[in-house]
Amino acid sequence: MQQHGPASRPCAAVAALCKRSIHSCGLVAFMRGLWQHPDMIKFRTLADDHPDLAHSPLLRGALLTLQYTHTHGSIGLTRNMAFKRVFVHWAVENFDWPGKSAEEMFR
């Protein structure tokens, strides 16, 4: 017997319930308030060509990873959900690891 309606989509029903619960208990407002705390660092947006971005290791790593996936396809994972060695070896060779050479990374 095939069910129709909300019971046939338990994941959607649970997601809708969670969304309503989060909003009704004020969690979203609380989380927004954390980012607006007066002692927090003020974030500012930068233009895509801002010179400071050239010094961002996070941005550089993200761009290199995206370039890898564009060239080689997806990044393979092992059964334990770790990156496959092919990507790890590529990353060690191509990322600029602070204070470490590629040889030191494999020790």
PDB file of N, CA and C in Angstrom:
ATOM      1  N   MET A   1       0.840  -1.176   0.000  1.00  0.00           N
ATOM      2  CA  MET A   1       0.000   0.000   0.000  1.00  0.00           C
ATOM      3  C   MET A   1       0.889   1.244   0.000  1.00  0.00           C
ATOM      4  N   GLN A   2       0.650   2.117  -0.947  1.00  0.00           N
ATOM      5  CA  GLN A   2       1.455   3.326  -1.074  1.00  0.00           C
ATOM      6  C   GLN A   2       0.794   4.466  -0.315  1.00  0.00           C
ATOM      7  N   GLN A   3       1.601   5.172   0.465  1.00  0.00           N
ATOM      8  CA  GLN A   3       1.071   6.288   1.237  1.00  0.00           C
ATOM      9  C   GLN A   3       1.222   7.577   0.442  1.00  0.00           C
ATOM     10  N   HIS A   4       0.309   8.492   0.685  1.00  0.00           N
ATOM     11  CA  HIS A   4       0.389   9.812   0.065  1.00  0.00           C
ATOM     12  C   HIS A   4       0.277  10.859   1.153  1.00  0.00           C
ATOM     13  N   GLY A   5       0.821  12.020   0.897  1.00  0.00           N
ATOM     14  CA  GLY A   5       0.728  13.102   1.858  1.00  0.00           C
ATOM     15  C   GLY A   5       1.974  13.203   2.713  1.00  0.00           C
ATOM     16  N   PRO A   6       1.891  13.936   3.835  1.00  0.00           N
ATOM     17  CA  PRO A   6       3.063  14.202   4.667  1.00  0.00           C
ATOM     18  C   PRO A   6       3.726  12.953   5.214  1.00  0.00           C
ATOM     19  N   ALA A   7       2.963  11.905   5.494  1.00  0.00           N
ATOM     20  CA  ALA A   7       3.560  10.694   6.064  1.00  0.00           C
ATOM     21  C   ALA A   7       4.474  10.006   5.069  1.00  0.00           C
ATOM     22  N   SER A   8       4.251  10.206   3.765  1.00  0.00           N
ATOM     23  CA  SER A   8       5.103   9.573   2.764  1.00  0.00           C
ATOM     24  C   SER A   8       6.420  10.324   2.601  1.00  0.00           C
ATOM     25  N   ARG A   9       6.519  11.497   3.184  1.00  0.00           N
ATOM     26  CA  ARG A   9       7.743  12.290   3.117  1.00  0.00           C
ATOM     27  C   ARG A   9       8.192  12.646   4.524  1.00  0.00           C
ATOM     28  N   PRO A  10       8.664  11.654   5.286  1.00  0.00           N
ATOM     29  CA  PRO A  10       9.009  11.950   6.685  1.00  0.00           C
ATOM     30  C   PRO A  10      10.131  12.963   6.815  1.00  0.00           C
ATOM     31  N   CYS A  11      11.089  12.938   5.911  1.00  0.00           N
ATOM     32  CA  CYS A  11      12.208  13.886   6.020  1.00  0.00           C
ATOM     33  C   CYS A  11      11.725  15.322   5.845  1.00  0.00           C
ATOM     34  N   ALA A  12      10.841  15.538   4.879  1.00  0.00           N
ATOM     35  CA  ALA A  12      10.321  16.889   4.648  1.00  0.00           C
ATOM     36  C   ALA A  12       9.498  17.355   5.839  1.00  0.00           C
ATOM     37  N   ALA A  13       8.711  16.440   6.410  1.00  0.00           N
ATOM     38  CA  ALA A  13       7.878  16.797   7.559  1.00  0.00           C
ATOM     39  C   ALA A  13       8.745  17.144   8.764  1.00  0.00           C
ATOM     40  N   VAL A  14       9.782  16.352   9.002  1.00  0.00           N
ATOM     41  CA  VAL A  14      10.684  16.610  10.129  1.00  0.00           C
ATOM     42  C   VAL A  14      11.414  17.929   9.917  1.00  0.00           C
ATOM     43  N   ALA A  15      11.863  18.175   8.684  1.00  0.00           N
ATOM     44  CA  ALA A  15      12.572  19.431   8.398  1.00  0.00           C
ATOM     45  C   ALA A  15      11.665  20.629   8.636  1.00  0.00           C
ATOM     46  N   ALA A  16      10.409  20.529   8.209  1.00  0.00           N
ATOM     47  CA  ALA A  16       9.468  21.637   8.415  1.00  0.00           C
ATOM     48  C   ALA A  16       9.213  21.860   9.894  1.00  0.00           C
ATOM     49  N   LEU A  17       9.065  20.776  10.648  1.00  0.00           N
ATOM     50  CA  LEU A  17       8.839  20.878  12.087  1.00  0.00           C
ATOM     51  C   LEU A  17      10.041  21.515  12.775  1.00  0.00           C
ATOM     52  N   CYS A  18      11.240  21.084  12.404  1.00  0.00           N
ATOM     53  CA  CYS A  18      12.457  21.647  13.001  1.00  0.00           C
ATOM     54  C   CYS A  18      12.569  23.131  12.689  1.00  0.00           C
ATOM     55  N   LYS A  19      12.253  23.493  11.439  1.00  0.00           N
ATOM     56  CA  LYS A  19      12.337  24.901  11.050  1.00  0.00           C
ATOM     57  C   LYS A  19      11.380  25.752  11.882  1.00  0.00           C
ATOM     58  N   ARG A  20      10.157  25.255  12.050  1.00  0.00           N
ATOM     59  CA  ARG A  20       9.187  25.994  12.862  1.00  0.00           C
ATOM     60  C   ARG A  20       9.646  26.087  14.306  1.00  0.00           C
ATOM     61  N   SER A  21      10.187  24.984  14.846  1.00  0.00           N
ATOM     62  CA  SER A  21      10.628  24.971  16.239  1.00  0.00           C
ATOM     63  C   SER A  21      11.776  25.936  16.464  1.00  0.00           C
ATOM     64  N   ILE A  22      12.719  25.954  15.532  1.00  0.00           N
ATOM     65  CA  ILE A  22      13.880  26.842  15.665  1.00  0.00           C
ATOM     66  C   ILE A  22      13.441  28.295  15.650  1.00  0.00           C
ATOM     67  N   HIS A  23      12.531  28.632  14.748  1.00  0.00           N
ATOM     68  CA  HIS A  23      12.065  30.020  14.673  1.00  0.00           C
ATOM     69  C   HIS A  23      11.218  30.382  15.887  1.00  0.00           C
ATOM     70  N   SER A  24      10.373  29.432  16.342  1.00  0.00           N
ATOM     71  CA  SER A  24       9.474  29.759  17.451  1.00  0.00           C
ATOM     72  C   SER A  24      10.221  29.900  18.777  1.00  0.00           C
ATOM     73  N   CYS A  25      11.331  29.193  18.944  1.00  0.00           N
ATOM     74  CA  CYS A  25      12.051  29.299  20.214  1.00  0.00           C
ATOM     75  C   CYS A  25      13.047  30.457  20.211  1.00  0.00           C
ATOM     76  N   GLY A  26      13.182  31.142  19.084  1.00  0.00           N
ATOM     77  CA  GLY A  26      14.054  32.306  19.038  1.00  0.00           C
ATOM     78  C   GLY A  26      15.516  31.977  18.786  1.00  0.00           C
ATOM     79  N   LEU A  27      15.810  30.742  18.376  1.00  0.00           N
ATOM     80  CA  LEU A  27      17.201  30.350  18.145  1.00  0.00           C
ATOM     81  C   LEU A  27      17.820  31.159  17.020  1.00  0.00           C
ATOM     82  N   VAL A  28      17.059  31.398  15.963  1.00  0.00           N
ATOM     83  CA  VAL A  28      17.587  32.167  14.845  1.00  0.00           C
ATOM     84  C   VAL A  28      17.938  33.581  15.294  1.00  0.00           C
ATOM     85  N   ALA A  29      17.062  34.203  16.058  1.00  0.00           N
ATOM     86  CA  ALA A  29      17.336  35.552  16.562  1.00  0.00           C
ATOM     87  C   ALA A  29      18.555  35.546  17.481  1.00  0.00           C
ATOM     88  N   PHE A  30      18.670  34.501  18.297  1.00  0.00           N
ATOM     89  CA  PHE A  30      19.826  34.377  19.189  1.00  0.00           C
ATOM     90  C   PHE A  30      21.119  34.281  18.377  1.00  0.00           C
ATOM     91  N   MET A  31      21.109  33.428  17.329  1.00  0.00           N
ATOM     92  CA  MET A  31      22.311  33.262  16.512  1.00  0.00           C
ATOM     93  C   MET A  31      22.674  34.564  15.793  1.00  0.00           C
ATOM     94  N   ARG A  32      21.672  35.272  15.292  1.00  0.00           N
ATOM     95  CA  ARG A  32      21.948  36.568  14.659  1.00  0.00           C
ATOM     96  C   ARG A  32      22.562  37.525  15.669  1.00  0.00           C
ATOM     97  N   GLY A  33      22.074  37.475  16.900  1.00  0.00           N
ATOM     98  CA  GLY A  33      22.581  38.348  17.948  1.00  0.00           C
ATOM     99  C   GLY A  33      24.042  38.081  18.270  1.00  0.00           C
ATOM    100  N   LEU A  34      24.476  36.816  18.148  1.00  0.00           N
ATOM    101  CA  LEU A  34      25.876  36.490  18.403  1.00  0.00           C
ATOM    102  C   LEU A  34      26.793  37.231  17.437  1.00  0.00           C
ATOM    103  N   TRP A  35      26.372  37.337  16.193  1.00  0.00           N
ATOM    104  CA  TRP A  35      27.203  38.002  15.199  1.00  0.00           C
ATOM    105  C   TRP A  35      27.150  39.513  15.340  1.00  0.00           C
ATOM    106  N   GLN A  36      26.203  40.011  16.102  1.00  0.00           N
ATOM    107  CA  GLN A  36      26.081  41.450  16.270  1.00  0.00           C
ATOM    108  C   GLN A  36      26.535  41.906  17.649  1.00  0.00           C
ATOM    109  N   HIS A  37      27.192  41.022  18.383  1.00  0.00           N
ATOM    110  CA  HIS A  37      27.675  41.361  19.718  1.00  0.00           C
ATOM    111  C   HIS A  37      28.664  42.515  19.593  1.00  0.00           C
ATOM    112  N   PRO A  38      28.585  43.513  20.472  1.00  0.00           N
ATOM    113  CA  PRO A  38      29.435  44.701  20.340  1.00  0.00           C
ATOM    114  C   PRO A  38      30.935  44.415  20.450  1.00  0.00           C
ATOM    115  N   ASP A  39      31.316  43.334  21.116  1.00  0.00           N
ATOM    116  CA  ASP A  39      32.740  43.043  21.263  1.00  0.00           C
ATOM    117  C   ASP A  39      33.293  42.213  20.109  1.00  0.00           C
ATOM    118  N   MET A  40      32.440  41.827  19.176  1.00  0.00           N
ATOM    119  CA  MET A  40      32.887  41.021  18.043  1.00  0.00           C
ATOM    120  C   MET A  40      33.587  41.910  17.020  1.00  0.00           C
ATOM    121  N   ILE A  41      34.426  41.279  16.218  1.00  0.00           N
ATOM    122  CA  ILE A  41      35.106  41.992  15.142  1.00  0.00           C
ATOM    123  C   ILE A  41      34.077  42.380  14.086  1.00  0.00           C
ATOM    124  N   LYS A  42      34.153  43.578  13.625  1.00  0.00           N
ATOM    125  CA  LYS A  42      33.259  44.028  12.567  1.00  0.00           C
ATOM    126  C   LYS A  42      33.776  43.491  11.229  1.00  0.00           C
ATOM    127  N   PHE A  43      32.936  42.796  10.507  1.00  0.00           N
ATOM    128  CA  PHE A  43      33.309  42.288   9.200  1.00  0.00           C
ATOM    129  C   PHE A  43      33.025  43.350   8.151  1.00  0.00           C
ATOM    130  N   ARG A  44      33.886  43.403   7.178  1.00  0.00           N
ATOM    131  CA  ARG A  44      33.649  44.317   6.067  1.00  0.00           C
ATOM    132  C   ARG A  44      33.833  43.544   4.771  1.00  0.00           C
ATOM    133  N   THR A  45      33.061  43.897   3.801  1.00  0.00           N
ATOM    134  CA  THR A  45      33.165  43.209   2.519  1.00  0.00           C
ATOM    135  C   THR A  45      34.304  43.810   1.713  1.00  0.00           C
ATOM    136  N   LEU A  46      34.947  42.969   0.936  1.00  0.00           N
ATOM    137  CA  LEU A  46      36.040  43.408   0.079  1.00  0.00           C
ATOM    138  C   LEU A  46      35.668  43.145  -1.373  1.00  0.00           C
ATOM    139  N   ALA A  47      36.144  43.997  -2.244  1.00  0.00           N
ATOM    140  CA  ALA A  47      35.932  43.778  -3.673  1.00  0.00           C
ATOM    141  C   ALA A  47      36.722  42.544  -4.106  1.00  0.00           C
ATOM    142  N   ASP A  48      36.271  41.892  -5.153  1.00  0.00           N
ATOM    143  CA  ASP A  48      36.935  40.679  -5.625  1.00  0.00           C
ATOM    144  C   ASP A  48      38.390  40.896  -6.013  1.00  0.00           C
ATOM    145  N   ASP A  49      38.754  42.122  -6.361  1.00  0.00           N
ATOM    146  CA  ASP A  49      40.133  42.410  -6.765  1.00  0.00           C
ATOM    147  C   ASP A  49      40.926  43.149  -5.682  1.00  0.00           C
ATOM    148  N   HIS A  50      40.439  43.109  -4.440  1.00  0.00           N
ATOM    149  CA  HIS A  50      41.119  43.806  -3.342  1.00  0.00           C
ATOM    150  C   HIS A  50      42.496  43.182  -3.121  1.00  0.00           C
ATOM    151  N   PRO A  51      43.561  43.987  -2.961  1.00  0.00           N
ATOM    152  CA  PRO A  51      44.917  43.445  -2.822  1.00  0.00           C
ATOM    153  C   PRO A  51      45.121  42.574  -1.581  1.00  0.00           C
ATOM    154  N   ASP A  52      44.349  42.777  -0.520  1.00  0.00           N
ATOM    155  CA  ASP A  52      44.513  41.963   0.689  1.00  0.00           C
ATOM    156  C   ASP A  52      44.170  40.493   0.448  1.00  0.00           C
ATOM    157  N   LEU A  53      43.333  40.211  -0.530  1.00  0.00           N
ATOM    158  CA  LEU A  53      42.932  38.830  -0.799  1.00  0.00           C
ATOM    159  C   LEU A  53      44.107  37.973  -1.284  1.00  0.00           C
ATOM    160  N   ALA A  54      45.115  38.612  -1.848  1.00  0.00           N
ATOM    161  CA  ALA A  54      46.295  37.875  -2.305  1.00  0.00           C
ATOM    162  C   ALA A  54      47.048  37.245  -1.135  1.00  0.00           C
ATOM    163  N   HIS A  55      46.829  37.728   0.086  1.00  0.00           N
ATOM    164  CA  HIS A  55      47.527  37.220   1.270  1.00  0.00           C
ATOM    165  C   HIS A  55      46.673  36.262   2.094  1.00  0.00           C
ATOM    166  N   SER A  56      45.537  35.846   1.581  1.00  0.00           N
ATOM    167  CA  SER A  56      44.629  34.982   2.330  1.00  0.00           C
ATOM    168  C   SER A  56      44.907  33.511   2.039  1.00  0.00           C
ATOM    169  N   PRO A  57      45.467  32.766   3.013  1.00  0.00           N
ATOM    170  CA  PRO A  57      45.720  31.341   2.784  1.00  0.00           C
ATOM    171  C   PRO A  57      44.428  30.550   2.590  1.00  0.00           C
ATOM    172  N   LEU A  58      43.365  30.964   3.264  1.00  0.00           N
ATOM    173  CA  LEU A  58      42.088  30.264   3.123  1.00  0.00           C
ATOM    174  C   LEU A  58      41.547  30.409   1.700  1.00  0.00           C
ATOM    175  N   LEU A  59      41.579  31.635   1.178  1.00  0.00           N
ATOM    176  CA  LEU A  59      41.111  31.861  -0.182  1.00  0.00           C
ATOM    177  C   LEU A  59      41.997  31.128  -1.187  1.00  0.00           C
ATOM    178  N   ARG A  60      43.293  31.184  -0.984  1.00  0.00           N
ATOM    179  CA  ARG A  60      44.217  30.506  -1.901  1.00  0.00           C
ATOM    180  C   ARG A  60      43.951  29.004  -1.910  1.00  0.00           C
ATOM    181  N   GLY A  61      43.784  28.409  -0.737  1.00  0.00           N
ATOM    182  CA  GLY A  61      43.498  26.979  -0.656  1.00  0.00           C
ATOM    183  C   GLY A  61      42.181  26.616  -1.314  1.00  0.00           C
ATOM    184  N   ALA A  62      41.177  27.453  -1.119  1.00  0.00           N
ATOM    185  CA  ALA A  62      39.871  27.195  -1.729  1.00  0.00           C
ATOM    186  C   ALA A  62      39.959  27.278  -3.245  1.00  0.00           C
ATOM    187  N   LEU A  63      40.655  28.299  -3.756  1.00  0.00           N
ATOM    188  CA  LEU A  63      40.787  28.439  -5.201  1.00  0.00           C
ATOM    189  C   LEU A  63      41.581  27.290  -5.809  1.00  0.00           C
ATOM    190  N   LEU A  64      42.657  26.883  -5.145  1.00  0.00           N
ATOM    191  CA  LEU A  64      43.438  25.752  -5.642  1.00  0.00           C
ATOM    192  C   LEU A  64      42.602  24.471  -5.668  1.00  0.00           C
ATOM    193  N   THR A  65      41.805  24.261  -4.628  1.00  0.00           N
ATOM    194  CA  THR A  65      40.953  23.074  -4.574  1.00  0.00           C
ATOM    195  C   THR A  65      39.914  23.098  -5.688  1.00  0.00           C
ATOM    196  N   LEU A  66      39.316  24.262  -5.926  1.00  0.00           N
ATOM    197  CA  LEU A  66      38.345  24.383  -7.014  1.00  0.00           C
ATOM    198  C   LEU A  66      39.001  24.168  -8.373  1.00  0.00           C
ATOM    199  N   GLN A  67      40.227  24.672  -8.535  1.00  0.00           N
ATOM    200  CA  GLN A  67      40.944  24.440  -9.787  1.00  0.00           C
ATOM    201  C   GLN A  67      41.237  22.945  -9.967  1.00  0.00           C
ATOM    202  N   TYR A  68      41.578  22.259  -8.872  1.00  0.00           N
ATOM    203  CA  TYR A  68      41.826  20.820  -8.932  1.00  0.00           C
ATOM    204  C   TYR A  68      40.571  20.090  -9.403  1.00  0.00           C
ATOM    205  N   THR A  69      39.422  20.426  -8.819  1.00  0.00           N
ATOM    206  CA  THR A  69      38.195  19.735  -9.201  1.00  0.00           C
ATOM    207  C   THR A  69      37.794  20.066 -10.639  1.00  0.00           C
ATOM    208  N   HIS A  70      38.106  21.256 -11.096  1.00  0.00           N
ATOM    209  CA  HIS A  70      37.798  21.612 -12.479  1.00  0.00           C
ATOM    210  C   HIS A  70      38.654  20.786 -13.437  1.00  0.00           C
ATOM    211  N   THR A  71      39.912  20.573 -13.086  1.00  0.00           N
ATOM    212  CA  THR A  71      40.835  19.845 -13.953  1.00  0.00           C
ATOM    213  C   THR A  71      40.676  18.329 -13.835  1.00  0.00           C
ATOM    214  N   HIS A  72      40.570  17.823 -12.595  1.00  0.00           N
ATOM    215  CA  HIS A  72      40.599  16.385 -12.350  1.00  0.00           C
ATOM    216  C   HIS A  72      39.238  15.764 -12.046  1.00  0.00           C
ATOM    217  N   GLY A  73      38.234  16.569 -11.888  1.00  0.00           N
ATOM    218  CA  GLY A  73      36.925  16.045 -11.485  1.00  0.00           C
ATOM    219  C   GLY A  73      36.815  16.071  -9.966  1.00  0.00           C
ATOM    220  N   SER A  74      35.886  15.301  -9.455  1.00  0.00           N
ATOM    221  CA  SER A  74      35.629  15.335  -8.006  1.00  0.00           C
ATOM    222  C   SER A  74      36.814  14.801  -7.214  1.00  0.00           C
ATOM    223  N   ILE A  75      36.849  15.162  -5.942  1.00  0.00           N
ATOM    224  CA  ILE A  75      37.891  14.682  -5.031  1.00  0.00           C
ATOM    225  C   ILE A  75      37.394  13.369  -4.445  1.00  0.00           C
ATOM    226  N   GLY A  76      38.141  12.307  -4.708  1.00  0.00           N
ATOM    227  CA  GLY A  76      37.727  10.996  -4.231  1.00  0.00           C
ATOM    228  C   GLY A  76      37.871  10.862  -2.726  1.00  0.00           C
ATOM    229  N   LEU A  77      36.991  10.042  -2.151  1.00  0.00           N
ATOM    230  CA  LEU A  77      37.020   9.773  -0.719  1.00  0.00           C
ATOM    231  C   LEU A  77      37.213   8.286  -0.473  1.00  0.00           C
ATOM    232  N   THR A  78      37.850   7.964   0.643  1.00  0.00           N
ATOM    233  CA  THR A  78      38.002   6.571   1.046  1.00  0.00           C
ATOM    234  C   THR A  78      36.717   6.108   1.721  1.00  0.00           C
ATOM    235  N   ARG A  79      36.670   4.854   2.110  1.00  0.00           N
ATOM    236  CA  ARG A  79      35.497   4.333   2.821  1.00  0.00           C
ATOM    237  C   ARG A  79      35.267   5.067   4.131  1.00  0.00           C
ATOM    238  N   ASN A  80      36.343   5.563   4.733  1.00  0.00           N
ATOM    239  CA  ASN A  80      36.236   6.299   6.000  1.00  0.00           C
ATOM    240  C   ASN A  80      36.004   7.786   5.790  1.00  0.00           C
ATOM    241  N   MET A  81      35.702   8.169   4.557  1.00  0.00           N
ATOM    242  CA  MET A  81      35.392   9.554   4.190  1.00  0.00           C
ATOM    243  C   MET A  81      36.598  10.496   4.292  1.00  0.00           C
ATOM    244  N   ALA A  82      37.793   9.962   4.178  1.00  0.00           N
ATOM    245  CA  ALA A  82      39.001  10.786   4.120  1.00  0.00           C
ATOM    246  C   ALA A  82      39.331  11.040   2.646  1.00  0.00           C
ATOM    247  N   PHE A  83      40.100  12.081   2.373  1.00  0.00           N
ATOM    248  CA  PHE A  83      40.521  12.339   1.005  1.00  0.00           C
ATOM    249  C   PHE A  83      41.421  11.202   0.534  1.00  0.00           C
ATOM    250  N   LYS A  84      41.268  10.809  -0.726  1.00  0.00           N
ATOM    251  CA  LYS A  84      42.145   9.784  -1.293  1.00  0.00           C
ATOM    252  C   LYS A  84      43.544  10.364  -1.454  1.00  0.00           C
ATOM    253  N   ARG A  85      44.532   9.464  -1.470  1.00  0.00           N
ATOM    254  CA  ARG A  85      45.936   9.883  -1.499  1.00  0.00           C
ATOM    255  C   ARG A  85      46.289  10.737  -2.700  1.00  0.00           C
ATOM    256  N   VAL A  86      45.664  10.484  -3.839  1.00  0.00           N
ATOM    257  CA  VAL A  86      45.959  11.253  -5.043  1.00  0.00           C
ATOM    258  C   VAL A  86      45.757  12.747  -4.779  1.00  0.00           C
ATOM    259  N   PHE A  87      44.654  13.103  -4.129  1.00  0.00           N
ATOM    260  CA  PHE A  87      44.401  14.511  -3.823  1.00  0.00           C
ATOM    261  C   PHE A  87      45.340  15.010  -2.725  1.00  0.00           C
ATOM    262  N   VAL A  88      45.568  14.200  -1.711  1.00  0.00           N
ATOM    263  CA  VAL A  88      46.450  14.610  -0.606  1.00  0.00           C
ATOM    264  C   VAL A  88      47.847  14.910  -1.135  1.00  0.00           C
ATOM    265  N   HIS A  89      48.379  14.041  -1.991  1.00  0.00           N
ATOM    266  CA  HIS A  89      49.714  14.284  -2.552  1.00  0.00           C
ATOM    267  C   HIS A  89      49.716  15.564  -3.391  1.00  0.00           C
ATOM    268  N   TRP A  90      48.660  15.770  -4.172  1.00  0.00           N
ATOM    269  CA  TRP A  90      48.565  16.989  -4.969  1.00  0.00           C
ATOM    270  C   TRP A  90      48.529  18.213  -4.052  1.00  0.00           C
ATOM    271  N   ALA A  91      47.731  18.158  -2.986  1.00  0.00           N
ATOM    272  CA  ALA A  91      47.599  19.288  -2.065  1.00  0.00           C
ATOM    273  C   ALA A  91      48.926  19.600  -1.377  1.00  0.00           C
ATOM    274  N   VAL A  92      49.634  18.572  -0.969  1.00  0.00           N
ATOM    275  CA  VAL A  92      50.929  18.784  -0.304  1.00  0.00           C
ATOM    276  C   VAL A  92      51.895  19.490  -1.247  1.00  0.00           C
ATOM    277  N   GLU A  93      51.859  19.125  -2.493  1.00  0.00           N
ATOM    278  CA  GLU A  93      52.771  19.729  -3.465  1.00  0.00           C
ATOM    279  C   GLU A  93      52.345  21.145  -3.870  1.00  0.00           C
ATOM    280  N   ASN A  94      51.067  21.437  -3.873  1.00  0.00           N
ATOM    281  CA  ASN A  94      50.578  22.698  -4.441  1.00  0.00           C
ATOM    282  C   ASN A  94      50.198  23.765  -3.426  1.00  0.00           C
ATOM    283  N   PHE A  95      49.815  23.375  -2.230  1.00  0.00           N
ATOM    284  CA  PHE A  95      49.472  24.368  -1.215  1.00  0.00           C
ATOM    285  C   PHE A  95      50.761  24.916  -0.621  1.00  0.00           C
ATOM    286  N   ASP A  96      50.703  26.151  -0.190  1.00  0.00           N
ATOM    287  CA  ASP A  96      51.856  26.774   0.461  1.00  0.00           C
ATOM    288  C   ASP A  96      51.671  26.609   1.969  1.00  0.00           C
ATOM    289  N   TRP A  97      52.169  25.491   2.503  1.00  0.00           N
ATOM    290  CA  TRP A  97      51.990  25.191   3.926  1.00  0.00           C
ATOM    291  C   TRP A  97      52.952  26.048   4.728  1.00  0.00           C
ATOM    292  N   PRO A  98      52.456  26.828   5.674  1.00  0.00           N
ATOM    293  CA  PRO A  98      53.324  27.729   6.444  1.00  0.00           C
ATOM    294  C   PRO A  98      54.392  26.959   7.221  1.00  0.00           C
ATOM    295  N   GLY A  99      55.634  27.296   6.942  1.00  0.00           N
ATOM    296  CA  GLY A  99      56.748  26.724   7.681  1.00  0.00           C
ATOM    297  C   GLY A  99      57.026  25.261   7.396  1.00  0.00           C
ATOM    298  N   LYS A 100      56.416  24.678   6.386  1.00  0.00           N
ATOM    299  CA  LYS A 100      56.616  23.258   6.069  1.00  0.00           C
ATOM    300  C   LYS A 100      56.866  23.088   4.581  1.00  0.00           C
ATOM    301  N   SER A 101      57.795  22.216   4.258  1.00  0.00           N
ATOM    302  CA  SER A 101      58.002  21.857   2.856  1.00  0.00           C
ATOM    303  C   SER A 101      57.207  20.583   2.574  1.00  0.00           C
ATOM    304  N   ALA A 102      57.083  20.235   1.310  1.00  0.00           N
ATOM    305  CA  ALA A 102      56.357  19.014   0.937  1.00  0.00           C
ATOM    306  C   ALA A 102      57.001  17.790   1.574  1.00  0.00           C
ATOM    307  N   GLU A 103      58.328  17.770   1.624  1.00  0.00           N
ATOM    308  CA  GLU A 103      59.042  16.627   2.216  1.00  0.00           C
ATOM    309  C   GLU A 103      58.719  16.492   3.714  1.00  0.00           C
ATOM    310  N   GLU A 104      58.658  17.647   4.404  1.00  0.00           N
ATOM    311  CA  GLU A 104      58.358  17.627   5.842  1.00  0.00           C
ATOM    312  C   GLU A 104      56.937  17.186   6.127  1.00  0.00           C
ATOM    313  N   MET A 105      56.022  17.442   5.209  1.00  0.00           N
ATOM    314  CA  MET A 105      54.620  17.078   5.423  1.00  0.00           C
ATOM    315  C   MET A 105      54.427  15.562   5.485  1.00  0.00           C
ATOM    316  N   PHE A 106      55.282  14.809   4.814  1.00  0.00           N
ATOM    317  CA  PHE A 106      55.133  13.353   4.775  1.00  0.00           C
ATOM    318  C   PHE A 106      55.969  12.636   5.827  1.00  0.00           C
ATOM    319  N   ARG A 107      56.641  13.355   6.681  1.00  0.00           N
ATOM    320  CA  ARG A 107      57.444  12.712   7.721  1.00  0.00           C
ATOM    321  C   ARG A 107      56.585  12.235   8.842  1.00  0.00           C
TER     322      ARG A 107
END
